[in-house]
Amino acid sequence: MSDADTHDQTSATAPGPREISPTITPDAVDAVVAAWQGERPDLDLTAIAVAGRLGRVNLLLGPAQEWVFTEFGLQRGEFDVLAALRRSGAPYTLSPSRLSDLLMLSRAGMTNRLDRLESAGMIERSLDRADRRSFQIRLTEQGHATVDAAMTRHTANVTALLAGLTPRELTTLDALARKLLHHLTAPAR
């Protein structure tokens, strides 16, 4: 069998060009996929298109959320620390190691965030009564008020950013994202 015969058989079983519904406006990802389909018609590029769009959404959503934190004098990571303390419930106190685990952050990275938040009056460090070798991090009244206001604004901002989707589409997207995250974080078999 010649290379030409092999190519003909592969092309006969390979997926055809992806068609875009007339109700969907083509985007930059479609242009990339179309170019690759022209060069490699043997590949099913559906997953590439999805990953490309997820990447672009991430690049656009990140900065579109950051301005809210900046408005409150916070960086994203500092907001995350305050939010973790606030979500922990009264007395809004956690150990630095617990915060590091919750935020999947190195101990050194956590120390830098805690230093900045303590200087800003958002948190207090105190010796752990149960283990005098370690500290507890507590949300101050100022930190509590700041994170509550920032969370209110953050929620409204993200709601507005996703307003292009119907409630049903949001529910579907959430379910699909949850399924994908589960797949990506599941232990290798």
N, C-alpha and C. Protein backbone atom coordinates (compact mmCIF):
# COMPACT_ATOMS: atom_id res chain seq x y z
N MET A 1 0.85 -1.17 0.00
CA MET A 1 0.00 0.00 0.00
C MET A 1 0.90 1.23 0.00
N SER A 2 0.61 2.20 -0.84
CA SER A 2 1.44 3.41 -0.95
C SER A 2 1.03 4.42 0.11
N ASP A 3 1.88 5.45 0.28
CA ASP A 3 1.55 6.53 1.21
C ASP A 3 0.25 7.22 0.80
N ALA A 4 0.05 7.38 -0.50
CA ALA A 4 -1.17 8.03 -0.99
C ALA A 4 -2.40 7.22 -0.62
N ASP A 5 -2.29 5.86 -0.74
CA ASP A 5 -3.42 5.01 -0.36
C ASP A 5 -3.71 5.12 1.13
N THR A 6 -2.64 5.16 1.95
CA THR A 6 -2.82 5.28 3.40
C THR A 6 -3.49 6.60 3.72
N HIS A 7 -3.04 7.68 3.07
CA HIS A 7 -3.62 9.00 3.32
C HIS A 7 -5.10 9.02 2.93
N ASP A 8 -5.43 8.40 1.80
CA ASP A 8 -6.83 8.37 1.37
C ASP A 8 -7.69 7.63 2.38
N GLN A 9 -7.16 6.50 2.92
CA GLN A 9 -7.94 5.75 3.91
C GLN A 9 -8.11 6.55 5.19
N THR A 10 -7.03 7.23 5.63
CA THR A 10 -7.10 8.03 6.84
C THR A 10 -8.10 9.16 6.68
N SER A 11 -8.05 9.83 5.52
CA SER A 11 -8.96 10.94 5.28
C SER A 11 -10.40 10.48 5.25
N ALA A 12 -10.60 9.27 4.75
CA ALA A 12 -11.97 8.77 4.65
C ALA A 12 -12.57 8.52 6.03
N THR A 13 -11.72 8.19 7.03
CA THR A 13 -12.25 7.90 8.37
C THR A 13 -12.07 9.06 9.34
N ALA A 14 -11.30 10.08 8.94
CA ALA A 14 -11.04 11.22 9.83
C ALA A 14 -12.27 12.12 9.87
N PRO A 15 -12.41 12.86 10.96
CA PRO A 15 -13.53 13.78 11.05
C PRO A 15 -13.41 14.87 9.99
N GLY A 16 -14.53 15.34 9.53
CA GLY A 16 -14.53 16.42 8.55
C GLY A 16 -14.38 17.77 9.22
N PRO A 17 -14.37 18.82 8.43
CA PRO A 17 -14.26 20.15 9.02
C PRO A 17 -15.41 20.41 9.98
N ARG A 18 -15.10 21.08 11.06
CA ARG A 18 -16.12 21.41 12.05
C ARG A 18 -17.03 22.48 11.48
N GLU A 19 -18.28 22.27 11.61
CA GLU A 19 -19.24 23.26 11.15
C GLU A 19 -19.70 24.09 12.33
N ILE A 20 -19.82 25.37 12.09
CA ILE A 20 -20.28 26.29 13.13
C ILE A 20 -21.74 26.58 12.87
N SER A 21 -22.52 26.48 13.91
CA SER A 21 -23.94 26.77 13.79
C SER A 21 -24.13 28.21 13.31
N PRO A 22 -25.11 28.45 12.47
CA PRO A 22 -25.33 29.82 11.99
C PRO A 22 -25.70 30.80 13.10
N THR A 23 -26.11 30.30 14.26
CA THR A 23 -26.47 31.19 15.36
C THR A 23 -25.26 31.56 16.23
N ILE A 24 -24.11 30.98 15.94
CA ILE A 24 -22.90 31.25 16.72
C ILE A 24 -21.95 32.11 15.90
N THR A 25 -21.48 33.19 16.52
CA THR A 25 -20.52 34.06 15.85
C THR A 25 -19.14 33.46 15.94
N PRO A 26 -18.46 33.26 14.80
CA PRO A 26 -17.11 32.72 14.83
C PRO A 26 -16.16 33.62 15.64
N ASP A 27 -15.16 33.00 16.25
CA ASP A 27 -14.20 33.75 17.05
C ASP A 27 -12.77 33.39 16.63
N ALA A 28 -11.79 33.92 17.35
CA ALA A 28 -10.38 33.71 17.01
C ALA A 28 -10.00 32.23 17.12
N VAL A 29 -10.62 31.51 18.03
CA VAL A 29 -10.32 30.08 18.17
C VAL A 29 -10.77 29.34 16.91
N ASP A 30 -11.91 29.73 16.36
CA ASP A 30 -12.37 29.09 15.12
C ASP A 30 -11.34 29.28 14.00
N ALA A 31 -10.73 30.45 13.93
CA ALA A 31 -9.72 30.70 12.89
C ALA A 31 -8.52 29.79 13.07
N VAL A 32 -8.08 29.59 14.30
CA VAL A 32 -6.95 28.69 14.58
C VAL A 32 -7.31 27.26 14.20
N VAL A 33 -8.47 26.83 14.62
CA VAL A 33 -8.92 25.46 14.33
C VAL A 33 -9.06 25.26 12.82
N ALA A 34 -9.63 26.22 12.13
CA ALA A 34 -9.79 26.10 10.68
C ALA A 34 -8.44 26.00 9.98
N ALA A 35 -7.47 26.79 10.45
CA ALA A 35 -6.13 26.72 9.85
C ALA A 35 -5.51 25.35 10.06
N TRP A 36 -5.65 24.81 11.27
CA TRP A 36 -5.12 23.47 11.53
C TRP A 36 -5.87 22.41 10.73
N GLN A 37 -7.16 22.56 10.57
CA GLN A 37 -7.92 21.59 9.78
C GLN A 37 -7.45 21.57 8.34
N GLY A 38 -7.07 22.74 7.84
CA GLY A 38 -6.54 22.80 6.49
C GLY A 38 -5.22 22.06 6.36
N GLU A 39 -4.42 22.13 7.40
CA GLU A 39 -3.11 21.48 7.38
C GLU A 39 -3.16 20.03 7.86
N ARG A 40 -4.03 19.76 8.83
CA ARG A 40 -4.12 18.41 9.41
C ARG A 40 -5.57 17.96 9.50
N PRO A 41 -6.19 17.66 8.35
CA PRO A 41 -7.60 17.25 8.36
C PRO A 41 -7.83 15.92 9.06
N ASP A 42 -6.76 15.21 9.38
CA ASP A 42 -6.89 13.93 10.05
C ASP A 42 -7.15 14.06 11.56
N LEU A 43 -7.02 15.26 12.11
CA LEU A 43 -7.17 15.45 13.55
C LEU A 43 -8.56 15.96 13.91
N ASP A 44 -9.11 15.42 15.00
CA ASP A 44 -10.34 15.95 15.57
C ASP A 44 -9.92 17.03 16.56
N LEU A 45 -10.20 18.26 16.25
CA LEU A 45 -9.71 19.40 17.03
C LEU A 45 -10.75 19.95 18.01
N THR A 46 -11.77 19.17 18.29
CA THR A 46 -12.82 19.62 19.21
C THR A 46 -12.23 19.98 20.58
N ALA A 47 -11.39 19.10 21.12
CA ALA A 47 -10.81 19.35 22.45
C ALA A 47 -9.88 20.56 22.42
N ILE A 48 -9.15 20.75 21.31
CA ILE A 48 -8.27 21.90 21.17
C ILE A 48 -9.10 23.19 21.21
N ALA A 49 -10.23 23.18 20.53
CA ALA A 49 -11.10 24.37 20.52
C ALA A 49 -11.61 24.67 21.93
N VAL A 50 -12.06 23.65 22.64
CA VAL A 50 -12.57 23.85 24.00
C VAL A 50 -11.46 24.38 24.91
N ALA A 51 -10.29 23.74 24.88
CA ALA A 51 -9.17 24.18 25.72
C ALA A 51 -8.75 25.60 25.36
N GLY A 52 -8.75 25.92 24.08
CA GLY A 52 -8.41 27.28 23.65
C GLY A 52 -9.38 28.30 24.19
N ARG A 53 -10.65 27.99 24.13
CA ARG A 53 -11.65 28.93 24.64
C ARG A 53 -11.57 29.05 26.17
N LEU A 54 -11.35 27.93 26.85
CA LEU A 54 -11.21 28.00 28.31
C LEU A 54 -10.00 28.86 28.68
N GLY A 55 -8.92 28.72 27.95
CA GLY A 55 -7.73 29.54 28.20
C GLY A 55 -8.00 31.01 27.99
N ARG A 56 -8.70 31.33 26.90
CA ARG A 56 -9.02 32.74 26.61
C ARG A 56 -9.97 33.30 27.66
N VAL A 57 -10.96 32.50 28.09
CA VAL A 57 -11.88 32.95 29.14
C VAL A 57 -11.09 33.26 30.41
N ASN A 58 -10.16 32.37 30.77
CA ASN A 58 -9.35 32.58 31.96
C ASN A 58 -8.53 33.86 31.86
N LEU A 59 -7.93 34.10 30.69
CA LEU A 59 -7.13 35.31 30.49
C LEU A 59 -7.98 36.58 30.59
N LEU A 60 -9.23 36.50 30.17
CA LEU A 60 -10.11 37.67 30.23
C LEU A 60 -10.75 37.86 31.61
N LEU A 61 -11.12 36.76 32.26
CA LEU A 61 -11.79 36.87 33.56
C LEU A 61 -10.84 37.34 34.66
N GLY A 62 -9.59 36.90 34.60
CA GLY A 62 -8.63 37.27 35.66
C GLY A 62 -8.55 38.77 35.87
N PRO A 63 -8.11 39.52 34.86
CA PRO A 63 -8.01 40.97 35.02
C PRO A 63 -9.36 41.64 35.28
N ALA A 64 -10.43 41.08 34.73
CA ALA A 64 -11.76 41.66 34.92
C ALA A 64 -12.23 41.51 36.37
N GLN A 65 -11.60 40.62 37.13
CA GLN A 65 -11.92 40.46 38.55
C GLN A 65 -10.95 41.23 39.45
N GLU A 66 -9.72 41.38 39.01
CA GLU A 66 -8.67 42.00 39.82
C GLU A 66 -9.00 43.42 40.26
N TRP A 67 -9.66 44.19 39.41
CA TRP A 67 -9.91 45.59 39.75
C TRP A 67 -10.72 45.73 41.04
N VAL A 68 -11.59 44.76 41.31
CA VAL A 68 -12.39 44.82 42.54
C VAL A 68 -11.47 44.75 43.75
N PHE A 69 -10.52 43.84 43.73
CA PHE A 69 -9.61 43.68 44.87
C PHE A 69 -8.75 44.93 45.03
N THR A 70 -8.29 45.48 43.92
CA THR A 70 -7.47 46.69 43.94
C THR A 70 -8.24 47.85 44.55
N GLU A 71 -9.53 47.91 44.25
CA GLU A 71 -10.38 48.97 44.80
C GLU A 71 -10.39 48.94 46.33
N PHE A 72 -10.16 47.76 46.91
CA PHE A 72 -10.14 47.62 48.36
C PHE A 72 -8.72 47.57 48.91
N GLY A 73 -7.74 47.91 48.06
CA GLY A 73 -6.35 47.93 48.49
C GLY A 73 -5.74 46.56 48.66
N LEU A 74 -6.31 45.58 47.97
CA LEU A 74 -5.86 44.19 48.11
C LEU A 74 -5.34 43.65 46.79
N GLN A 75 -4.45 42.69 46.92
CA GLN A 75 -4.10 41.85 45.78
C GLN A 75 -4.98 40.60 45.87
N ARG A 76 -5.09 39.88 44.77
CA ARG A 76 -5.95 38.68 44.75
C ARG A 76 -5.60 37.72 45.88
N GLY A 77 -4.31 37.46 46.08
CA GLY A 77 -3.88 36.53 47.11
C GLY A 77 -4.24 36.98 48.51
N GLU A 78 -4.20 38.28 48.75
CA GLU A 78 -4.57 38.81 50.05
C GLU A 78 -6.08 38.67 50.27
N PHE A 79 -6.84 38.94 49.23
CA PHE A 79 -8.29 38.70 49.32
C PHE A 79 -8.56 37.24 49.66
N ASP A 80 -7.84 36.33 49.01
CA ASP A 80 -8.04 34.90 49.27
C ASP A 80 -7.80 34.54 50.74
N VAL A 81 -6.77 35.14 51.35
CA VAL A 81 -6.48 34.88 52.77
C VAL A 81 -7.63 35.40 53.63
N LEU A 82 -8.04 36.64 53.39
CA LEU A 82 -9.15 37.22 54.16
C LEU A 82 -10.43 36.41 53.98
N ALA A 83 -10.69 35.99 52.75
CA ALA A 83 -11.90 35.21 52.47
C ALA A 83 -11.86 33.86 53.18
N ALA A 84 -10.69 33.22 53.21
CA ALA A 84 -10.57 31.92 53.90
C ALA A 84 -10.84 32.10 55.40
N LEU A 85 -10.31 33.15 55.97
CA LEU A 85 -10.57 33.42 57.39
C LEU A 85 -12.05 33.70 57.63
N ARG A 86 -12.66 34.49 56.76
CA ARG A 86 -14.07 34.86 56.92
C ARG A 86 -14.97 33.63 56.79
N ARG A 87 -14.64 32.77 55.82
CA ARG A 87 -15.46 31.56 55.61
C ARG A 87 -15.32 30.55 56.75
N SER A 88 -14.24 30.67 57.51
CA SER A 88 -14.00 29.70 58.59
C SER A 88 -15.00 29.86 59.74
N GLY A 89 -15.70 30.99 59.78
CA GLY A 89 -16.68 31.23 60.84
C GLY A 89 -16.01 31.76 62.10
N ALA A 90 -16.83 32.25 63.01
CA ALA A 90 -16.32 32.82 64.26
C ALA A 90 -15.50 31.76 64.98
N PRO A 91 -14.38 32.11 65.52
CA PRO A 91 -13.80 33.43 65.73
C PRO A 91 -12.91 33.92 64.57
N TYR A 92 -13.07 33.38 63.37
CA TYR A 92 -12.33 33.81 62.17
C TYR A 92 -10.82 33.71 62.39
N THR A 93 -10.42 32.53 62.87
CA THR A 93 -9.03 32.29 63.24
C THR A 93 -8.58 30.95 62.66
N LEU A 94 -7.40 30.97 62.03
CA LEU A 94 -6.80 29.74 61.49
C LEU A 94 -5.28 29.81 61.69
N SER A 95 -4.66 28.67 61.66
CA SER A 95 -3.19 28.63 61.72
C SER A 95 -2.63 28.95 60.34
N PRO A 96 -1.41 29.47 60.28
CA PRO A 96 -0.80 29.73 58.97
C PRO A 96 -0.70 28.45 58.11
N SER A 97 -0.43 27.32 58.73
CA SER A 97 -0.33 26.07 57.94
C SER A 97 -1.68 25.66 57.38
N ARG A 98 -2.75 25.87 58.15
CA ARG A 98 -4.10 25.57 57.65
C ARG A 98 -4.46 26.49 56.50
N LEU A 99 -4.12 27.77 56.61
CA LEU A 99 -4.36 28.72 55.52
C LEU A 99 -3.58 28.30 54.28
N SER A 100 -2.32 27.91 54.46
CA SER A 100 -1.50 27.46 53.33
C SER A 100 -2.14 26.27 52.64
N ASP A 101 -2.62 25.33 53.43
CA ASP A 101 -3.27 24.14 52.85
C ASP A 101 -4.54 24.51 52.09
N LEU A 102 -5.37 25.36 52.69
CA LEU A 102 -6.63 25.76 52.06
C LEU A 102 -6.40 26.49 50.73
N LEU A 103 -5.34 27.30 50.69
CA LEU A 103 -5.07 28.12 49.51
C LEU A 103 -4.04 27.49 48.58
N MET A 104 -3.59 26.28 48.93
CA MET A 104 -2.58 25.57 48.12
C MET A 104 -1.39 26.48 47.83
N LEU A 105 -0.82 27.00 48.90
CA LEU A 105 0.26 27.97 48.81
C LEU A 105 1.41 27.54 49.71
N SER A 106 2.63 27.83 49.29
CA SER A 106 3.79 27.49 50.10
C SER A 106 3.76 28.29 51.40
N ARG A 107 4.45 27.79 52.42
CA ARG A 107 4.51 28.50 53.70
C ARG A 107 5.17 29.87 53.53
N ALA A 108 6.20 29.95 52.67
CA ALA A 108 6.90 31.23 52.44
C ALA A 108 5.95 32.23 51.77
N GLY A 109 5.21 31.78 50.78
CA GLY A 109 4.25 32.65 50.11
C GLY A 109 3.18 33.14 51.08
N MET A 110 2.76 32.26 51.98
CA MET A 110 1.75 32.65 52.97
C MET A 110 2.32 33.70 53.92
N THR A 111 3.55 33.53 54.33
CA THR A 111 4.17 34.49 55.25
C THR A 111 4.18 35.89 54.65
N ASN A 112 4.51 36.00 53.37
CA ASN A 112 4.52 37.31 52.71
C ASN A 112 3.13 37.95 52.72
N ARG A 113 2.12 37.17 52.42
CA ARG A 113 0.75 37.70 52.42
C ARG A 113 0.34 38.13 53.82
N LEU A 114 0.66 37.30 54.80
CA LEU A 114 0.30 37.61 56.17
C LEU A 114 0.99 38.88 56.65
N ASP A 115 2.26 39.06 56.29
CA ASP A 115 2.99 40.27 56.66
C ASP A 115 2.29 41.51 56.12
N ARG A 116 1.90 41.48 54.85
CA ARG A 116 1.24 42.63 54.24
C ARG A 116 -0.12 42.90 54.89
N LEU A 117 -0.89 41.84 55.13
CA LEU A 117 -2.21 42.01 55.74
C LEU A 117 -2.11 42.50 57.18
N GLU A 118 -1.11 42.04 57.91
CA GLU A 118 -0.93 42.50 59.28
C GLU A 118 -0.54 43.98 59.29
N SER A 119 0.35 44.38 58.39
CA SER A 119 0.75 45.79 58.28
C SER A 119 -0.44 46.68 57.95
N ALA A 120 -1.39 46.15 57.19
CA ALA A 120 -2.58 46.91 56.79
C ALA A 120 -3.67 46.87 57.86
N GLY A 121 -3.46 46.14 58.95
CA GLY A 121 -4.44 46.07 60.03
C GLY A 121 -5.60 45.14 59.75
N MET A 122 -5.45 44.24 58.77
CA MET A 122 -6.54 43.33 58.39
C MET A 122 -6.55 42.04 59.22
N ILE A 123 -5.39 41.65 59.72
CA ILE A 123 -5.28 40.42 60.52
C ILE A 123 -4.40 40.70 61.73
N GLU A 124 -4.49 39.80 62.70
CA GLU A 124 -3.61 39.82 63.87
C GLU A 124 -3.01 38.44 64.04
N ARG A 125 -1.76 38.40 64.44
CA ARG A 125 -1.10 37.14 64.80
C ARG A 125 -1.05 37.07 66.31
N SER A 126 -1.32 35.87 66.83
CA SER A 126 -1.18 35.66 68.27
C SER A 126 -0.66 34.25 68.50
N LEU A 127 0.01 34.07 69.64
CA LEU A 127 0.51 32.74 69.95
C LEU A 127 -0.65 31.78 70.14
N ASP A 128 -0.48 30.57 69.65
CA ASP A 128 -1.48 29.52 69.79
C ASP A 128 -1.44 29.05 71.25
N ARG A 129 -2.55 29.15 71.95
CA ARG A 129 -2.60 28.74 73.36
C ARG A 129 -2.32 27.25 73.53
N ALA A 130 -2.72 26.45 72.53
CA ALA A 130 -2.52 24.99 72.62
C ALA A 130 -1.09 24.59 72.27
N ASP A 131 -0.40 25.40 71.45
CA ASP A 131 0.96 25.09 71.02
C ASP A 131 1.74 26.40 70.93
N ARG A 132 2.47 26.72 71.99
CA ARG A 132 3.16 28.01 72.09
C ARG A 132 4.24 28.19 71.03
N ARG A 133 4.52 27.14 70.23
CA ARG A 133 5.52 27.27 69.16
C ARG A 133 4.91 27.81 67.88
N SER A 134 3.59 27.89 67.81
CA SER A 134 2.97 28.35 66.57
C SER A 134 2.01 29.51 66.83
N PHE A 135 1.56 30.10 65.74
CA PHE A 135 0.69 31.26 65.79
C PHE A 135 -0.70 30.92 65.27
N GLN A 136 -1.63 31.79 65.59
CA GLN A 136 -2.96 31.77 65.03
C GLN A 136 -3.15 33.11 64.31
N ILE A 137 -3.85 33.06 63.20
CA ILE A 137 -4.13 34.26 62.42
C ILE A 137 -5.61 34.57 62.60
N ARG A 138 -5.91 35.80 63.03
CA ARG A 138 -7.30 36.19 63.27
C ARG A 138 -7.65 37.40 62.43
N LEU A 139 -8.82 37.37 61.86
CA LEU A 139 -9.36 38.49 61.10
C LEU A 139 -9.71 39.62 62.06
N THR A 140 -9.24 40.83 61.80
CA THR A 140 -9.59 41.98 62.64
C THR A 140 -10.95 42.52 62.19
N GLU A 141 -11.49 43.46 62.97
CA GLU A 141 -12.75 44.10 62.56
C GLU A 141 -12.59 44.79 61.21
N GLN A 142 -11.45 45.45 61.01
CA GLN A 142 -11.18 46.10 59.73
C GLN A 142 -11.11 45.07 58.61
N GLY A 143 -10.44 43.95 58.86
CA GLY A 143 -10.34 42.89 57.86
C GLY A 143 -11.70 42.29 57.55
N HIS A 144 -12.51 42.10 58.59
CA HIS A 144 -13.86 41.56 58.43
C HIS A 144 -14.70 42.48 57.55
N ALA A 145 -14.69 43.78 57.85
CA ALA A 145 -15.47 44.75 57.08
C ALA A 145 -14.97 44.82 55.63
N THR A 146 -13.65 44.78 55.46
CA THR A 146 -13.07 44.87 54.12
C THR A 146 -13.43 43.66 53.27
N VAL A 147 -13.27 42.46 53.84
CA VAL A 147 -13.54 41.27 53.04
C VAL A 147 -15.03 41.14 52.74
N ASP A 148 -15.89 41.55 53.65
CA ASP A 148 -17.33 41.50 53.38
C ASP A 148 -17.70 42.45 52.24
N ALA A 149 -17.17 43.67 52.28
CA ALA A 149 -17.46 44.63 51.21
C ALA A 149 -16.86 44.17 49.88
N ALA A 150 -15.64 43.65 49.93
CA ALA A 150 -14.99 43.17 48.70
C ALA A 150 -15.74 41.98 48.12
N MET A 151 -16.21 41.09 48.98
CA MET A 151 -16.94 39.91 48.50
C MET A 151 -18.27 40.31 47.87
N THR A 152 -18.93 41.29 48.45
CA THR A 152 -20.19 41.78 47.86
C THR A 152 -19.94 42.33 46.47
N ARG A 153 -18.90 43.16 46.33
CA ARG A 153 -18.57 43.76 45.04
C ARG A 153 -18.08 42.69 44.07
N HIS A 154 -17.27 41.75 44.55
CA HIS A 154 -16.74 40.66 43.70
C HIS A 154 -17.89 39.82 43.14
N THR A 155 -18.86 39.49 43.99
CA THR A 155 -20.01 38.69 43.55
C THR A 155 -20.80 39.42 42.46
N ALA A 156 -21.04 40.70 42.66
CA ALA A 156 -21.77 41.48 41.65
C ALA A 156 -20.98 41.57 40.35
N ASN A 157 -19.67 41.74 40.45
CA ASN A 157 -18.82 41.83 39.26
C ASN A 157 -18.83 40.53 38.46
N VAL A 158 -18.63 39.41 39.14
CA VAL A 158 -18.60 38.12 38.44
C VAL A 158 -19.97 37.80 37.85
N THR A 159 -21.03 38.14 38.57
CA THR A 159 -22.38 37.95 38.04
C THR A 159 -22.55 38.74 36.74
N ALA A 160 -22.07 39.98 36.73
CA ALA A 160 -22.17 40.80 35.51
C ALA A 160 -21.30 40.23 34.39
N LEU A 161 -20.12 39.73 34.73
CA LEU A 161 -19.24 39.17 33.71
C LEU A 161 -19.85 37.94 33.04
N LEU A 162 -20.63 37.18 33.79
CA LEU A 162 -21.24 35.96 33.25
C LEU A 162 -22.68 36.17 32.80
N ALA A 163 -23.12 37.42 32.74
CA ALA A 163 -24.51 37.72 32.38
C ALA A 163 -24.86 37.37 30.95
N GLY A 164 -23.87 37.05 30.13
CA GLY A 164 -24.14 36.63 28.76
C GLY A 164 -24.72 35.22 28.67
N LEU A 165 -24.76 34.54 29.79
CA LEU A 165 -25.32 33.18 29.84
C LEU A 165 -26.64 33.21 30.60
N THR A 166 -27.56 32.37 30.17
CA THR A 166 -28.83 32.24 30.89
C THR A 166 -28.58 31.47 32.18
N PRO A 167 -29.53 31.53 33.12
CA PRO A 167 -29.37 30.72 34.35
C PRO A 167 -29.19 29.23 34.03
N ARG A 168 -29.90 28.75 33.06
CA ARG A 168 -29.78 27.33 32.70
C ARG A 168 -28.38 27.04 32.12
N GLU A 169 -27.89 27.95 31.28
CA GLU A 169 -26.54 27.77 30.71
C GLU A 169 -25.47 27.83 31.80
N LEU A 170 -25.66 28.73 32.79
CA LEU A 170 -24.72 28.79 33.91
C LEU A 170 -24.70 27.48 34.68
N THR A 171 -25.87 26.92 34.92
CA THR A 171 -25.96 25.65 35.63
C THR A 171 -25.27 24.54 34.85
N THR A 172 -25.48 24.51 33.54
CA THR A 172 -24.84 23.52 32.68
C THR A 172 -23.33 23.70 32.67
N LEU A 173 -22.87 24.95 32.52
CA LEU A 173 -21.44 25.23 32.52
C LEU A 173 -20.81 24.83 33.84
N ASP A 174 -21.48 25.12 34.94
CA ASP A 174 -20.98 24.75 36.26
C ASP A 174 -20.83 23.23 36.37
N ALA A 175 -21.84 22.50 35.93
CA ALA A 175 -21.79 21.03 36.00
C ALA A 175 -20.65 20.48 35.13
N LEU A 176 -20.48 21.04 33.93
CA LEU A 176 -19.41 20.57 33.04
C LEU A 176 -18.03 20.91 33.60
N ALA A 177 -17.89 22.13 34.15
CA ALA A 177 -16.61 22.52 34.74
C ALA A 177 -16.28 21.64 35.93
N ARG A 178 -17.28 21.33 36.75
CA ARG A 178 -17.08 20.45 37.91
C ARG A 178 -16.61 19.07 37.45
N LYS A 179 -17.26 18.54 36.41
CA LYS A 179 -16.90 17.22 35.89
C LYS A 179 -15.46 17.23 35.35
N LEU A 180 -15.11 18.28 34.62
CA LEU A 180 -13.76 18.38 34.07
C LEU A 180 -12.72 18.51 35.18
N LEU A 181 -13.00 19.34 36.18
CA LEU A 181 -12.07 19.47 37.31
C LEU A 181 -11.89 18.15 38.04
N HIS A 182 -12.97 17.42 38.24
CA HIS A 182 -12.88 16.11 38.89
C HIS A 182 -11.97 15.18 38.08
N HIS A 183 -12.16 15.18 36.77
CA HIS A 183 -11.34 14.33 35.91
C HIS A 183 -9.87 14.73 35.98
N LEU A 184 -9.59 16.03 35.95
CA LEU A 184 -8.21 16.51 35.93
C LEU A 184 -7.50 16.34 37.27
N THR A 185 -8.27 16.31 38.37
CA THR A 185 -7.65 16.18 39.69
C THR A 185 -7.73 14.77 40.28
N ALA A 186 -8.40 13.87 39.58
CA ALA A 186 -8.50 12.49 40.06
C ALA A 186 -7.12 11.83 40.02
N PRO A 187 -6.82 11.00 41.00
CA PRO A 187 -5.54 10.29 40.97
C PRO A 187 -5.41 9.44 39.71
N ALA A 188 -4.19 9.37 39.20
CA ALA A 188 -3.95 8.53 38.00
C ALA A 188 -4.24 7.08 38.36
N ARG A 189 -4.82 6.39 37.42
CA ARG A 189 -5.16 4.97 37.67
C ARG A 189 -4.10 4.07 37.11
